[in-house]
Protein backbone atom coordinates (compact mmCIF):
# COMPACT_ATOMS: atom_id res chain seq x y z
CA UNK A 1 185.06 155.46 278.24
CA UNK A 2 186.04 158.74 279.85
CA UNK A 3 183.55 161.59 279.76
CA UNK A 4 186.29 164.03 278.73
CA UNK A 5 186.31 162.37 275.28
CA UNK A 6 182.91 163.95 274.66
CA UNK A 7 183.85 167.54 275.40
CA UNK A 8 184.20 170.39 272.91
CA UNK A 9 184.51 174.16 273.03
CA UNK A 10 181.47 176.10 271.87
CA UNK A 11 181.46 179.91 271.51
CA UNK A 12 178.72 181.41 273.68
CA UNK A 13 177.33 183.41 270.77
CA UNK A 14 176.37 180.17 268.97
CA UNK A 15 173.92 179.23 271.74
CA UNK A 16 170.55 180.23 270.30
CA UNK A 17 168.69 182.52 272.71
CA UNK A 18 165.56 182.90 270.60
CA UNK A 19 163.86 180.69 268.00
CA UNK A 20 164.26 181.30 264.28
CA UNK A 21 161.72 183.76 262.80
CA UNK A 22 159.69 180.80 261.54
CA UNK A 23 159.63 177.22 262.79
CA UNK A 24 161.09 175.80 259.58
CA UNK A 25 163.52 178.72 259.25
CA UNK A 26 166.47 176.81 260.69
CA UNK A 27 169.42 175.27 258.89
CA UNK A 28 169.75 171.52 258.40
CA UNK A 29 173.06 169.66 258.40
CA UNK A 30 172.77 166.28 256.68
CA UNK A 31 175.32 163.68 257.78
CA UNK A 32 175.56 160.47 255.76
CA UNK A 33 177.06 157.58 257.72
CA UNK A 34 177.51 155.50 254.59
CA UNK A 35 179.60 158.00 252.65
CA UNK A 36 180.91 160.16 255.47
CA UNK A 37 179.69 163.27 253.65
CA UNK A 38 178.25 166.39 255.26
CA UNK A 39 175.77 168.65 253.47
CA UNK A 40 174.44 172.06 254.46
CA UNK A 41 170.76 172.58 253.70
CA UNK A 42 167.69 174.43 254.98
CA UNK A 43 165.16 172.67 257.17
CA UNK A 44 162.34 172.47 254.57
CA UNK A 45 164.75 170.30 252.52
CA UNK A 46 164.01 167.56 255.06
CA UNK A 47 161.19 166.55 252.70
CA UNK A 48 163.74 165.53 250.06
CA UNK A 49 165.06 162.78 252.35
CA UNK A 50 161.70 161.01 252.54
CA UNK A 51 161.71 159.64 248.99
CA UNK A 52 161.88 156.02 250.17
CA UNK A 53 158.98 156.72 252.57
CA UNK A 54 160.45 155.88 255.98
CA UNK A 55 158.18 155.69 259.00
CA UNK A 56 158.65 159.07 260.75
CA UNK A 57 158.15 158.82 264.52
CA UNK A 58 157.69 161.92 266.68
CA UNK A 59 157.33 162.57 270.41
CA UNK A 60 153.95 164.20 271.11
CA UNK A 61 154.67 165.13 274.74
CA UNK A 62 153.44 168.58 275.78
CA UNK A 63 155.65 170.90 277.83
CA UNK A 64 154.07 172.14 281.05
CA UNK A 65 154.53 175.81 282.11
CA UNK A 66 156.59 174.34 284.92
CA UNK A 67 158.78 177.29 285.92
CA UNK A 68 157.39 179.28 288.87
CA UNK A 69 159.13 182.51 289.93
CA UNK A 70 158.14 183.72 293.37
CA UNK A 71 159.36 184.75 296.82
CA UNK A 72 159.94 183.43 300.32
CA UNK A 73 157.02 184.76 302.37
CA UNK A 74 159.09 185.52 305.45
CA UNK A 75 161.98 187.36 303.76
CA UNK A 76 160.69 188.41 300.34
CA UNK A 77 163.79 186.81 298.79
CA UNK A 78 163.34 185.62 295.20
CA UNK A 79 163.00 181.91 294.48
CA UNK A 80 162.19 179.84 291.41
CA UNK A 81 160.71 176.36 291.37
CA UNK A 82 160.70 173.86 288.53
CA UNK A 83 157.73 171.51 288.79
CA UNK A 84 158.87 167.96 288.01
CA UNK A 85 155.97 165.65 288.80
CA UNK A 86 152.68 165.75 290.66
CA UNK A 87 152.74 163.05 293.37
CA UNK A 88 149.15 163.47 294.55
CA UNK A 89 146.53 166.17 294.63
CA UNK A 90 148.17 169.61 295.08
CA UNK A 91 151.58 168.09 295.96
CA UNK A 92 154.54 168.18 293.56
CA UNK A 93 158.15 167.09 293.34
CA UNK A 94 160.15 170.21 292.57
CA UNK A 95 163.67 171.23 291.61
CA UNK A 96 164.92 174.34 293.43
CA UNK A 97 168.33 175.87 294.07
CA UNK A 98 169.45 175.87 297.69
CA UNK A 99 167.11 173.05 298.67
CA UNK A 100 169.25 172.08 301.66
CA UNK A 101 168.74 175.52 303.25
CA UNK A 102 164.93 175.44 303.03
CA UNK A 103 163.21 174.54 306.28
CA UNK A 104 160.18 172.28 306.58
CA UNK A 105 157.05 174.39 306.81
CA UNK A 106 158.46 177.45 305.03
CA UNK A 107 155.90 179.28 302.93
CA UNK A 108 156.24 180.77 299.44
CA UNK A 109 154.19 183.17 297.34
CA UNK A 110 153.86 182.78 293.57
CA UNK A 111 150.69 184.78 293.06
CA UNK A 112 149.87 187.78 290.91
CA UNK A 113 147.35 190.58 291.34
CA UNK A 114 144.74 188.43 289.58
CA UNK A 115 145.62 184.97 290.87
CA UNK A 116 146.59 183.71 294.32
CA UNK A 117 149.12 180.86 294.56
CA UNK A 118 151.00 179.78 297.67
CA UNK A 119 153.24 176.80 298.43
CA UNK A 120 154.42 175.04 301.58
CA UNK A 121 157.65 173.03 301.83
CA UNK A 122 157.04 169.53 303.19
CA UNK A 123 160.54 168.04 302.90
CA UNK A 124 162.74 166.39 300.31
CA UNK A 125 163.12 163.03 298.58
CA UNK A 126 165.89 161.87 296.20
CA UNK A 127 167.23 165.41 295.82
CA UNK A 128 163.85 166.95 294.98
CA UNK A 129 161.73 169.19 297.18
CA UNK A 130 158.16 168.22 298.05
CA UNK A 131 155.80 171.22 297.95
CA UNK A 132 152.07 171.50 298.60
CA UNK A 133 150.26 174.24 296.62
CA UNK A 134 147.14 176.24 297.38
CA UNK A 135 145.33 178.49 294.90
CA UNK A 136 142.25 180.70 295.12
CA UNK A 137 140.74 178.87 292.15
CA UNK A 138 141.47 175.65 290.27
CA UNK A 139 145.10 174.77 290.99
CA UNK A 140 146.02 173.37 287.58
CA UNK A 141 144.43 176.31 285.76
CA UNK A 142 146.30 178.72 288.05
CA UNK A 143 149.63 176.94 287.46
CA UNK A 144 149.02 177.13 283.71
CA UNK A 145 148.43 180.87 283.92
CA UNK A 146 151.24 181.80 286.31
CA UNK A 147 153.85 179.25 285.20
CA UNK A 148 156.44 180.00 282.54
CA UNK A 149 157.99 177.68 279.94
CA UNK A 150 160.80 175.69 281.59
CA UNK A 151 163.56 177.05 279.38
CA UNK A 152 167.01 175.50 279.88
CA UNK A 153 169.49 177.59 281.92
CA UNK A 154 171.60 178.41 278.85
CA UNK A 155 168.66 180.44 277.45
CA UNK A 156 168.87 183.72 279.36
CA UNK A 157 165.84 185.84 280.22
CA UNK A 158 166.08 189.06 282.27
CA UNK A 159 162.90 189.51 284.26
CA UNK A 160 159.44 188.98 282.84
CA UNK A 161 158.60 190.32 279.40
CA UNK A 162 155.04 189.70 278.27
CA UNK A 163 155.88 189.45 274.57
CA UNK A 164 158.87 187.17 275.17
CA UNK A 165 156.81 184.99 277.53
CA UNK A 166 154.15 184.66 274.83
CA UNK A 167 156.74 183.74 272.18
CA UNK A 168 158.39 181.16 274.44
CA UNK A 169 155.01 179.61 275.31
CA UNK A 170 154.31 179.20 271.60
CA UNK A 171 157.72 178.21 270.25
CA UNK A 172 159.06 176.05 273.11
CA UNK A 173 156.29 173.62 272.20
CA UNK A 174 155.81 171.44 269.12
CA UNK A 175 152.74 172.04 266.93
CA UNK A 176 151.77 168.39 267.51
CA UNK A 177 152.09 168.40 271.33
CA UNK A 178 149.05 166.66 272.78
CA UNK A 179 150.07 164.78 275.96
CA UNK A 180 150.94 167.10 278.90
CA UNK A 181 153.76 166.07 281.20
CA UNK A 182 157.19 167.25 279.98
CA UNK A 183 159.48 169.76 281.67
CA UNK A 184 161.63 170.20 278.57
CA UNK A 185 160.77 170.23 274.88
CA UNK A 186 161.60 167.43 272.42
CA UNK A 187 163.53 170.03 270.46
CA UNK A 188 163.95 168.27 267.10
CA UNK A 189 160.19 168.54 266.70
CA UNK A 190 160.21 172.32 267.18
CA UNK A 191 161.25 172.81 263.53
CA UNK A 192 157.98 171.52 262.09
CA UNK A 193 155.26 174.03 261.25
CA UNK A 194 151.75 172.75 260.65
CA UNK A 195 152.26 173.29 256.92
CA UNK A 196 155.55 171.37 256.82
CA UNK A 197 154.03 168.57 258.87
CA UNK A 198 151.23 168.31 256.29
CA UNK A 199 153.88 167.95 253.57
CA UNK A 200 155.54 165.15 255.55
CA UNK A 201 152.19 163.40 255.93
CA UNK A 202 151.56 163.62 252.18
CA UNK A 203 155.00 162.16 251.50
CA UNK A 204 155.12 159.31 254.00
CA UNK A 205 153.59 157.82 257.14
CA UNK A 206 154.02 159.44 260.54
CA UNK A 207 153.47 157.88 263.96
CA UNK A 208 153.68 159.00 267.58
CA UNK A 209 155.25 158.02 270.84
CA UNK A 210 155.21 159.86 274.14
CA UNK A 211 158.21 160.38 276.37
CA UNK A 212 157.60 162.94 279.10
CA UNK A 213 160.98 164.63 279.03
CA UNK A 214 162.09 165.02 282.63
CA UNK A 215 165.11 165.24 284.88
CA UNK A 216 166.60 162.07 283.40
CA UNK A 217 167.12 163.62 279.96
CA UNK A 218 168.89 166.80 281.02
CA UNK A 219 170.56 165.63 284.22
CA UNK A 220 174.32 166.23 283.86
CA UNK A 221 176.70 163.28 283.79
CA UNK A 222 178.71 163.60 286.98
CA UNK A 223 180.84 160.47 286.67
CA UNK A 224 184.20 160.51 284.89
CA UNK A 225 183.53 157.01 283.58
CA UNK A 226 180.63 157.20 281.12
CA UNK A 227 179.28 153.73 281.87
CA UNK A 228 178.79 154.58 285.56
CA UNK A 229 176.15 157.24 284.90
CA UNK A 230 172.60 156.27 285.87
CA UNK A 231 169.66 158.03 284.23
CA UNK A 232 166.47 158.76 286.14
CA UNK A 233 163.34 157.09 284.82
CA UNK A 234 160.90 158.87 282.51
CA UNK A 235 157.39 157.82 281.51
CA UNK A 236 156.70 156.60 277.97
CA UNK A 237 153.71 155.46 275.96
CA UNK A 238 153.77 153.72 272.56
CA UNK A 239 150.33 153.57 270.91
CA UNK A 240 149.21 150.25 269.47
CA UNK A 241 149.21 151.77 265.97
CA UNK A 242 152.84 152.90 266.28
CA UNK A 243 154.05 149.55 267.63
CA UNK A 244 152.36 147.60 264.84
CA UNK A 245 153.50 150.05 262.15
CA UNK A 246 157.11 149.56 263.24
CA UNK A 247 156.69 145.80 262.90
CA UNK A 248 155.21 146.18 259.42
CA UNK A 249 158.00 148.49 258.28
CA UNK A 250 160.72 146.22 259.61
CA UNK A 251 159.14 143.16 257.98
CA UNK A 252 158.97 144.97 254.62
CA UNK A 253 162.55 146.24 254.85
CA UNK A 254 161.55 149.91 255.10
CA UNK A 255 163.34 152.42 257.32
CA UNK A 256 162.34 154.07 260.60
CA UNK A 257 163.28 157.72 261.15
CA UNK A 258 163.27 158.94 264.74
CA UNK A 259 162.54 162.63 265.26
CA UNK A 260 164.62 163.48 268.29
CA UNK A 261 166.70 161.67 270.86
CA UNK A 262 163.64 161.24 273.11
CA UNK A 263 161.65 159.32 270.48
CA UNK A 264 164.75 157.26 269.80
CA UNK A 265 165.28 156.42 273.48
CA UNK A 266 161.72 155.14 273.76
CA UNK A 267 162.02 152.92 270.70
CA UNK A 268 165.42 151.58 271.68
CA UNK A 269 164.19 150.79 275.20
CA UNK A 270 161.76 148.16 273.89
CA UNK A 271 161.88 144.76 272.27
CA UNK A 272 159.32 145.34 269.54
CA UNK A 273 158.35 141.79 268.68
CA UNK A 274 154.85 140.55 267.88
CA UNK A 275 151.74 142.62 267.26
CA UNK A 276 149.88 144.24 270.15
CA UNK A 277 146.23 145.10 270.74
CA UNK A 278 146.90 147.86 273.28
CA UNK A 279 149.24 150.75 274.00
CA UNK A 280 152.56 149.88 275.63
CA UNK A 281 153.46 152.04 278.65
CA UNK A 282 156.20 152.13 281.23
CA UNK A 283 159.25 153.97 282.55
CA UNK A 284 162.66 154.01 280.91
CA UNK A 285 166.11 154.82 282.26
CA UNK A 286 167.86 153.72 279.06
CA UNK A 287 171.24 155.46 278.65
CA UNK A 288 172.62 155.16 275.11
CA UNK A 289 176.32 155.76 274.52
CA UNK A 290 178.91 154.70 271.92
CA UNK A 291 179.34 150.96 271.61
CA UNK A 292 175.62 150.21 271.76
CA UNK A 293 173.66 149.19 268.67
CA UNK A 294 170.27 150.43 267.46
CA UNK A 295 167.52 147.89 266.84
CA UNK A 296 164.69 150.09 265.58
CA UNK A 297 165.81 153.55 264.45
CA UNK A 298 167.63 153.73 261.09
CA UNK A 299 167.78 157.53 260.72
CA UNK A 300 167.82 160.31 263.28
CA UNK A 301 166.73 163.95 263.17
CA UNK A 302 168.14 165.89 266.08
CA UNK A 303 169.42 169.26 267.28
CA UNK A 304 172.98 170.14 268.26
CA UNK A 305 173.52 169.17 271.88
CA UNK A 306 175.58 170.17 274.90
CA UNK A 307 179.04 168.68 275.28
CA UNK A 308 179.32 165.86 277.84
CA UNK A 309 175.53 165.36 277.85
CA UNK A 310 173.57 162.12 277.52
CA UNK A 311 172.02 163.55 274.34
CA UNK A 312 175.41 164.15 272.72
CA UNK A 313 176.55 160.65 273.66
CA UNK A 314 173.42 159.21 272.04
CA UNK A 315 174.06 160.96 268.70
CA UNK A 316 177.71 159.88 268.86
CA UNK A 317 176.51 156.30 269.36
CA UNK A 318 174.18 156.61 266.37
CA UNK A 319 176.42 158.47 263.94
CA UNK A 320 179.83 157.29 265.07
CA UNK A 321 182.02 159.47 267.26
CA UNK A 322 184.64 160.24 264.62
CA UNK A 323 182.05 161.42 262.10
CA UNK A 324 180.09 163.38 264.73
CA UNK A 325 183.27 165.08 265.96
CA UNK A 326 183.86 166.25 262.40
CA UNK A 327 180.24 167.32 261.96
CA UNK A 328 180.20 169.36 265.18
CA UNK A 329 183.53 170.99 264.29
CA UNK A 330 182.11 171.96 260.90
CA UNK A 331 178.90 173.22 262.53
CA UNK A 332 180.93 175.55 264.74
CA UNK A 333 183.01 176.75 261.79
CA UNK A 334 179.84 177.35 259.73
CA UNK A 335 178.22 179.11 262.72
CA UNK A 336 175.24 176.85 263.17
CA UNK A 337 172.95 177.75 266.07
CA UNK A 338 173.15 175.27 268.96
CA UNK A 339 170.85 173.67 271.53
CA UNK A 340 167.08 173.94 272.05
CA UNK A 341 166.28 176.92 269.79
CA UNK A 342 169.10 176.06 267.39
CA UNK A 343 169.51 174.33 264.02
CA UNK A 344 168.99 170.67 263.15
CA UNK A 345 170.99 167.67 262.01
CA UNK A 346 169.73 164.70 260.00
CA UNK A 347 171.87 161.57 260.33
CA UNK A 348 171.29 159.08 257.49
């Protein structure tokens, strides 16, 4: 398949720059694969599609405040790091623009009047910079205070605004986030308020997986031939209770509803056979594109994704490209809000 088949034109003003006034205040497009119909609803109507009590599986990863704006110490020039993964104490793999021009040993300042934070460039590995950090107090606490939510580049922020920073810290995080380690949000889960989640729990059974959303998820596809793209590995954890619940639901003929492409990737990376007495952990580089089948997930709740992205290819694989092309065209015509802070789609 050629990547150009998964392109579409999206008006810039449909890219949501801020979250809806309330978490559940988004729209919900419902796409039925069986009938080919498309409905336009509001997100709280999601409850109506749980009548047959599917197992609802969500990604409980917690987004780190991984974006660090600072300066080169020697020149005062602005720089911004994106923390990817801690390799050992005080040393991190980092994404940074202009990595090739940074010299080993260069020093950086990310501190504020209240908190000191410096970094030293040690070199690079697999396209990521290796930085060692020093703080006046506890390093992780300092990073949490100084760091900003790692918003995607299509969400524009001009300078630092205390109120906007506070809102992004709150809303670019699910209410059920409990396992720190992601550098991007599992955005389908952002629509659930605590109250709506309680309604879901009263209606049906929920379960959790963890996929620490990392570079692999949002890395652009740079090959013209879809099948040649290689995803970077991301850490996952499936609790014993979730694994065994999936087995029970499949044996009883009940459905599994994946909340988000990240939850779905975890579940479709595994051969869920036989009960387990412990959590299942590992790393997945599973790339799902049209032509592949789904073994676990029967329904998918997701946001509207970037053209030519691995996320868009996954939903095309799940819903069928022809139907998803029509759904996205209708979403643009109906002025749905796109991407991380945008509206949602439920594929039945």
